Amino acid sequence: MKHIISFLLIILSLNSRAYSQEYNELFSDMDSVAKTEISNHVYRIIKMLNYEYNQINDSLLVEERVVLTTLKIDSENKLSIFKINDINTDISESLNQWFKKAPPLPLEDLKKGAEIIFITTKFDLKKRDYEGLKFDEIIAFQKDENNNKKINELDIYPSYGKKPQKFTTKEKSYENMDKTIRGFIIKNFKYPDYALDRNIQGKTETNFIINTNGEIRTIVSYLSHPVLQNEAVSIIENFPKFNPGIKDGKPVATNYQVPITFRLR
């Protein structure tokens, strides 16, 4: 019996590196406004997933994974995988275990929290050197990187083209950016055949981050049928590269949200 137990312990140690990490305070330092947005909670969980990803068996740890997954909120207000892109099925079990480590989502405090059942998100998992570091230490080191700016906090808003466009007021700059984004959505809009055949309609809220390189690598879509959420993510992920937002003369990651309505006439 002792030999069997020892063998099991060896197997467990091979599947993950020795570490202990709690995430009870994952959402605790959000301000009162941030706490009402489901996307902010999902972004925190994605940071947690990246930490957990760097603790797994080396055979599963590759330089970068692009994860596209539809999640369902369970009876404990925690996330679990409903569907995931084929290339990441090998870590789907691990991802579900990590999701369970996050605190329950405070649905009662979220905008339309009672209506949120499914969430579709696209994000990166990257190999990093986290050896010997706790999650809280990493977040502290990456404070500037993790501090996504709201659009109204910027000095210069994200834009397309060779140079950021300058406007006389921030309002006009925002109007131009908003017009450009909505124009791209309209041009690339496609009603999913599955939804069309089944008369599925809805308004999808889609939040995304334009990083300091002007790329969109993280997207969260919710408040509609998963098929519509996935189409919204597909539209957003194909945006051309932006000129990043600027704050105090430096490029910053920018948080932006846009509704996409799927309506049959």
Protein backbone atom coordinates (compact mmCIF):
# COMPACT_ATOMS: atom_id res chain seq x y z
CA MET A 1 0.00 0.00 0.00
CA LYS A 2 2.84 2.40 0.85
CA HIS A 3 4.38 1.80 -2.57
CA ILE A 4 1.06 2.58 -4.29
CA ILE A 5 0.66 5.84 -2.36
CA SER A 6 4.24 6.87 -3.16
CA PHE A 7 3.62 6.13 -6.85
CA LEU A 8 0.49 8.30 -6.88
CA LEU A 9 2.34 11.15 -5.22
CA ILE A 10 5.05 10.98 -7.88
CA ILE A 11 2.43 11.16 -10.64
CA LEU A 12 0.80 14.18 -9.03
CA SER A 13 4.12 15.95 -8.70
CA LEU A 14 4.82 15.40 -12.40
CA ASN A 15 1.54 17.02 -13.45
CA SER A 16 2.24 20.31 -11.71
CA ARG A 17 5.08 22.08 -9.99
CA ALA A 18 5.12 22.38 -6.22
CA TYR A 19 3.40 25.62 -5.23
CA SER A 20 0.55 26.91 -3.16
CA GLN A 21 -1.51 29.93 -4.13
CA GLU A 22 -4.83 31.31 -2.92
CA TYR A 23 -6.93 33.83 -4.84
CA ASN A 24 -9.51 34.89 -2.26
CA GLU A 25 -8.63 38.57 -2.76
CA LEU A 26 -8.56 38.45 -6.56
CA PHE A 27 -11.30 41.07 -6.96
CA SER A 28 -10.83 42.94 -3.67
CA ASP A 29 -8.94 46.02 -4.88
CA MET A 30 -11.34 46.92 -7.72
CA ASP A 31 -12.96 50.33 -7.43
CA SER A 32 -16.73 50.65 -7.13
CA VAL A 33 -17.21 51.21 -10.87
CA ALA A 34 -14.90 48.41 -12.03
CA LYS A 35 -16.68 45.93 -9.76
CA THR A 36 -19.92 46.37 -11.71
CA GLU A 37 -18.42 45.17 -15.04
CA ILE A 38 -18.17 41.43 -15.70
CA SER A 39 -15.29 41.99 -18.14
CA ASN A 40 -13.05 43.38 -15.37
CA HIS A 41 -13.57 40.24 -13.31
CA VAL A 42 -12.83 38.03 -16.32
CA TYR A 43 -9.62 39.98 -17.01
CA ARG A 44 -8.48 39.34 -13.43
CA ILE A 45 -9.23 35.64 -13.83
CA ILE A 46 -7.21 35.56 -17.07
CA LYS A 47 -4.20 36.92 -15.17
CA MET A 48 -4.70 34.15 -12.63
CA LEU A 49 -4.89 31.58 -15.44
CA ASN A 50 -1.57 32.80 -16.82
CA TYR A 51 0.04 32.29 -13.43
CA GLU A 52 -1.43 28.80 -13.08
CA TYR A 53 -0.44 27.94 -16.65
CA ASN A 54 3.21 28.52 -15.77
CA GLN A 55 3.01 25.93 -12.99
CA ILE A 56 1.90 22.99 -15.13
CA ASN A 57 3.85 20.08 -16.56
CA ASP A 58 6.47 21.21 -19.10
CA SER A 59 5.00 18.91 -21.74
CA LEU A 60 1.87 21.11 -21.82
CA LEU A 61 3.67 24.42 -21.39
CA VAL A 62 4.30 25.99 -24.81
CA GLU A 63 5.51 29.51 -25.57
CA GLU A 64 2.04 30.85 -26.34
CA ARG A 65 -1.49 29.54 -26.57
CA VAL A 66 -4.39 31.49 -28.04
CA VAL A 67 -7.49 30.37 -26.16
CA LEU A 68 -11.01 30.85 -27.49
CA THR A 69 -13.59 29.51 -25.09
CA THR A 70 -17.24 29.85 -24.20
CA LEU A 71 -17.75 29.66 -20.45
CA LYS A 72 -20.85 28.95 -18.40
CA ILE A 73 -21.55 30.31 -14.94
CA ASP A 74 -22.38 27.41 -12.62
CA SER A 75 -24.54 27.22 -9.50
CA GLU A 76 -21.65 28.51 -7.39
CA ASN A 77 -21.22 31.58 -9.65
CA LYS A 78 -17.94 30.20 -10.94
CA LEU A 79 -16.85 29.72 -14.53
CA SER A 80 -16.50 26.39 -16.30
CA ILE A 81 -15.72 25.55 -19.92
CA PHE A 82 -18.74 25.01 -22.15
CA LYS A 83 -16.68 24.89 -25.36
CA ILE A 84 -13.02 25.50 -26.23
CA ASN A 85 -11.03 25.68 -29.48
CA ASP A 86 -9.62 22.32 -30.54
CA ILE A 87 -5.96 23.28 -30.16
CA ASN A 88 -6.41 23.75 -26.39
CA THR A 89 -8.47 20.69 -25.47
CA ASP A 90 -5.34 19.17 -23.93
CA ILE A 91 -5.45 21.74 -21.11
CA SER A 92 -9.24 22.08 -20.77
CA GLU A 93 -9.31 19.97 -17.60
CA SER A 94 -6.55 22.08 -16.05
CA LEU A 95 -8.35 25.29 -17.03
CA ASN A 96 -11.52 24.10 -15.31
CA GLN A 97 -9.55 23.35 -12.15
CA TRP A 98 -8.04 26.84 -12.25
CA PHE A 99 -11.41 28.49 -12.80
CA LYS A 100 -12.59 26.79 -9.62
CA LYS A 101 -9.79 28.51 -7.68
CA ALA A 102 -11.16 31.98 -8.48
CA PRO A 103 -13.67 33.56 -6.07
CA PRO A 104 -17.34 33.40 -7.09
CA LEU A 105 -18.44 36.14 -9.47
CA PRO A 106 -20.46 38.80 -7.58
CA LEU A 107 -23.41 38.62 -9.97
CA GLU A 108 -25.64 40.61 -7.64
CA ASP A 109 -23.26 43.59 -7.97
CA LEU A 110 -22.80 43.40 -11.75
CA LYS A 111 -24.72 45.28 -14.40
CA LYS A 112 -27.38 42.84 -15.64
CA GLY A 113 -25.66 40.15 -13.59
CA ALA A 114 -28.81 38.03 -13.40
CA GLU A 115 -28.91 37.87 -17.22
CA ILE A 116 -25.34 36.62 -17.66
CA ILE A 117 -25.26 32.86 -18.25
CA PHE A 118 -22.57 32.43 -20.89
CA ILE A 119 -19.35 34.37 -21.53
CA THR A 120 -17.13 33.97 -24.59
CA THR A 121 -13.54 35.13 -24.32
CA LYS A 122 -10.35 35.06 -26.34
CA PHE A 123 -7.01 35.50 -24.59
CA ASP A 124 -3.35 34.46 -24.58
CA LEU A 125 -1.58 32.10 -22.22
CA LYS A 126 2.15 32.82 -22.32
CA LYS A 127 5.19 31.04 -20.97
CA ARG A 128 6.94 33.25 -18.41
CA ASP A 129 9.63 32.84 -15.76
CA TYR A 130 7.51 32.90 -12.59
CA GLU A 131 9.65 30.48 -10.60
CA GLY A 132 9.68 31.34 -6.90
CA LEU A 133 7.19 34.20 -7.29
CA LYS A 134 3.73 34.45 -5.77
CA PHE A 135 0.81 35.73 -7.82
CA ASP A 136 0.49 38.94 -5.78
CA GLU A 137 4.19 39.70 -6.32
CA ILE A 138 3.83 39.33 -10.07
CA ILE A 139 0.80 41.62 -10.16
CA ALA A 140 2.76 44.22 -8.20
CA PHE A 141 5.72 43.99 -10.62
CA GLN A 142 3.36 44.35 -13.59
CA LYS A 143 1.29 47.16 -12.11
CA ASP A 144 1.69 49.53 -15.06
CA GLU A 145 1.17 46.75 -17.60
CA ASN A 146 -2.00 45.58 -15.85
CA ASN A 147 -3.44 49.05 -15.40
CA ASN A 148 -5.72 49.18 -18.43
CA LYS A 149 -6.96 52.72 -19.02
CA LYS A 150 -10.55 53.67 -19.67
CA ILE A 151 -10.98 55.54 -22.92
CA ASN A 152 -11.81 58.85 -21.20
CA GLU A 153 -8.54 58.76 -19.21
CA LEU A 154 -6.32 59.06 -22.28
CA ASP A 155 -4.54 62.10 -23.68
CA ILE A 156 -4.65 60.67 -27.22
CA TYR A 157 -7.17 58.01 -28.18
CA PRO A 158 -6.36 54.89 -30.25
CA SER A 159 -6.66 55.42 -34.00
CA TYR A 160 -5.90 53.86 -37.38
CA GLY A 161 -3.37 55.09 -39.91
CA LYS A 162 0.31 55.96 -39.93
CA LYS A 163 -0.01 58.69 -37.31
CA PRO A 164 -2.51 59.28 -34.49
CA GLN A 165 -5.06 61.85 -35.58
CA LYS A 166 -5.21 65.03 -33.55
CA PHE A 167 -8.49 66.78 -32.81
CA THR A 168 -9.34 70.05 -31.11
CA THR A 169 -11.24 68.27 -28.34
CA LYS A 170 -11.26 64.81 -26.78
CA GLU A 171 -14.93 64.56 -27.67
CA LYS A 172 -14.19 64.83 -31.40
CA SER A 173 -11.31 62.37 -31.05
CA TYR A 174 -13.60 59.86 -29.34
CA GLU A 175 -16.35 60.40 -31.94
CA ASN A 176 -13.86 59.65 -34.71
CA MET A 177 -12.62 56.47 -33.03
CA ASP A 178 -16.14 55.30 -32.27
CA LYS A 179 -17.22 55.99 -35.86
CA THR A 180 -14.25 54.07 -37.24
CA ILE A 181 -14.87 51.05 -35.00
CA ARG A 182 -18.59 50.92 -35.75
CA GLY A 183 -17.90 51.30 -39.47
CA PHE A 184 -15.56 48.31 -39.37
CA ILE A 185 -18.18 46.26 -37.48
CA ILE A 186 -20.89 47.09 -40.03
CA LYS A 187 -18.58 46.29 -42.96
CA ASN A 188 -17.59 42.90 -41.52
CA PHE A 189 -20.89 41.95 -39.89
CA LYS A 190 -22.20 38.48 -40.73
CA TYR A 191 -25.26 36.85 -39.21
CA PRO A 192 -24.31 33.32 -38.12
CA ASP A 193 -26.15 30.66 -40.15
CA TYR A 194 -26.95 28.69 -36.99
CA ALA A 195 -28.62 31.74 -35.44
CA LEU A 196 -30.36 32.66 -38.68
CA ASP A 197 -31.91 29.19 -39.06
CA ARG A 198 -33.14 29.21 -35.45
CA ASN A 199 -34.30 32.82 -35.22
CA ILE A 200 -31.71 33.63 -32.53
CA GLN A 201 -31.40 37.35 -31.84
CA GLY A 202 -29.82 39.50 -29.17
CA LYS A 203 -27.54 42.33 -28.17
CA THR A 204 -23.99 41.26 -27.38
CA GLU A 205 -21.81 43.41 -25.12
CA THR A 206 -18.20 43.03 -26.21
CA ASN A 207 -15.27 44.40 -24.25
CA PHE A 208 -11.70 44.33 -25.53
CA ILE A 209 -8.24 45.63 -24.70
CA ILE A 210 -6.07 47.47 -27.22
CA ASN A 211 -2.57 46.77 -25.91
CA THR A 212 0.48 49.02 -26.00
CA ASN A 213 1.37 47.64 -29.46
CA GLY A 214 -2.07 48.54 -30.81
CA GLU A 215 -3.16 44.89 -30.97
CA ILE A 216 -6.35 43.32 -29.64
CA ARG A 217 -5.35 40.15 -27.82
CA THR A 218 -8.04 39.94 -25.12
CA ILE A 219 -11.80 39.99 -25.80
CA VAL A 220 -14.81 39.30 -23.56
CA SER A 221 -18.33 38.95 -24.99
CA TYR A 222 -21.54 38.33 -23.04
CA LEU A 223 -25.31 38.99 -22.64
CA SER A 224 -26.48 36.94 -25.62
CA HIS A 225 -26.55 33.44 -27.10
CA PRO A 226 -23.03 31.89 -27.31
CA VAL A 227 -23.27 31.72 -31.12
CA LEU A 228 -23.73 35.49 -31.25
CA GLN A 229 -20.94 36.01 -28.73
CA ASN A 230 -18.54 33.99 -30.88
CA GLU A 231 -19.43 36.00 -33.97
CA ALA A 232 -18.84 39.25 -32.06
CA VAL A 233 -15.40 37.98 -30.99
CA SER A 234 -14.67 37.01 -34.61
CA ILE A 235 -15.43 40.55 -35.79
CA ILE A 236 -13.35 42.25 -33.10
CA GLU A 237 -10.32 39.97 -33.46
CA ASN A 238 -10.01 40.94 -37.13
CA PHE A 239 -9.73 44.67 -36.49
CA PRO A 240 -6.69 46.25 -38.17
CA LYS A 241 -3.83 47.23 -35.89
CA PHE A 242 -4.38 50.47 -33.95
CA ASN A 243 -2.11 53.29 -32.99
CA PRO A 244 -2.23 52.68 -29.21
CA GLY A 245 -3.75 55.13 -26.76
CA ILE A 246 -1.36 57.62 -25.17
CA LYS A 247 -1.23 58.76 -21.54
CA ASP A 248 1.51 61.10 -20.25
CA GLY A 249 3.42 60.62 -23.48
CA LYS A 250 3.51 56.81 -23.23
CA PRO A 251 1.47 54.12 -25.00
CA VAL A 252 -0.98 52.41 -22.64
CA ALA A 253 -3.37 49.47 -22.82
CA THR A 254 -6.90 50.75 -23.41
CA ASN A 255 -10.18 49.16 -22.38
CA TYR A 256 -13.04 49.64 -24.87
CA GLN A 257 -16.59 48.32 -24.99
CA VAL A 258 -19.02 48.17 -27.90
CA PRO A 259 -22.49 46.60 -28.23
CA ILE A 260 -23.20 44.49 -31.33
CA THR A 261 -26.87 43.87 -32.08
CA PHE A 262 -28.07 40.84 -34.00
CA ARG A 263 -31.64 41.44 -35.14
CA LEU A 264 -33.72 39.70 -37.78
CA ARG A 265 -36.22 41.71 -39.78
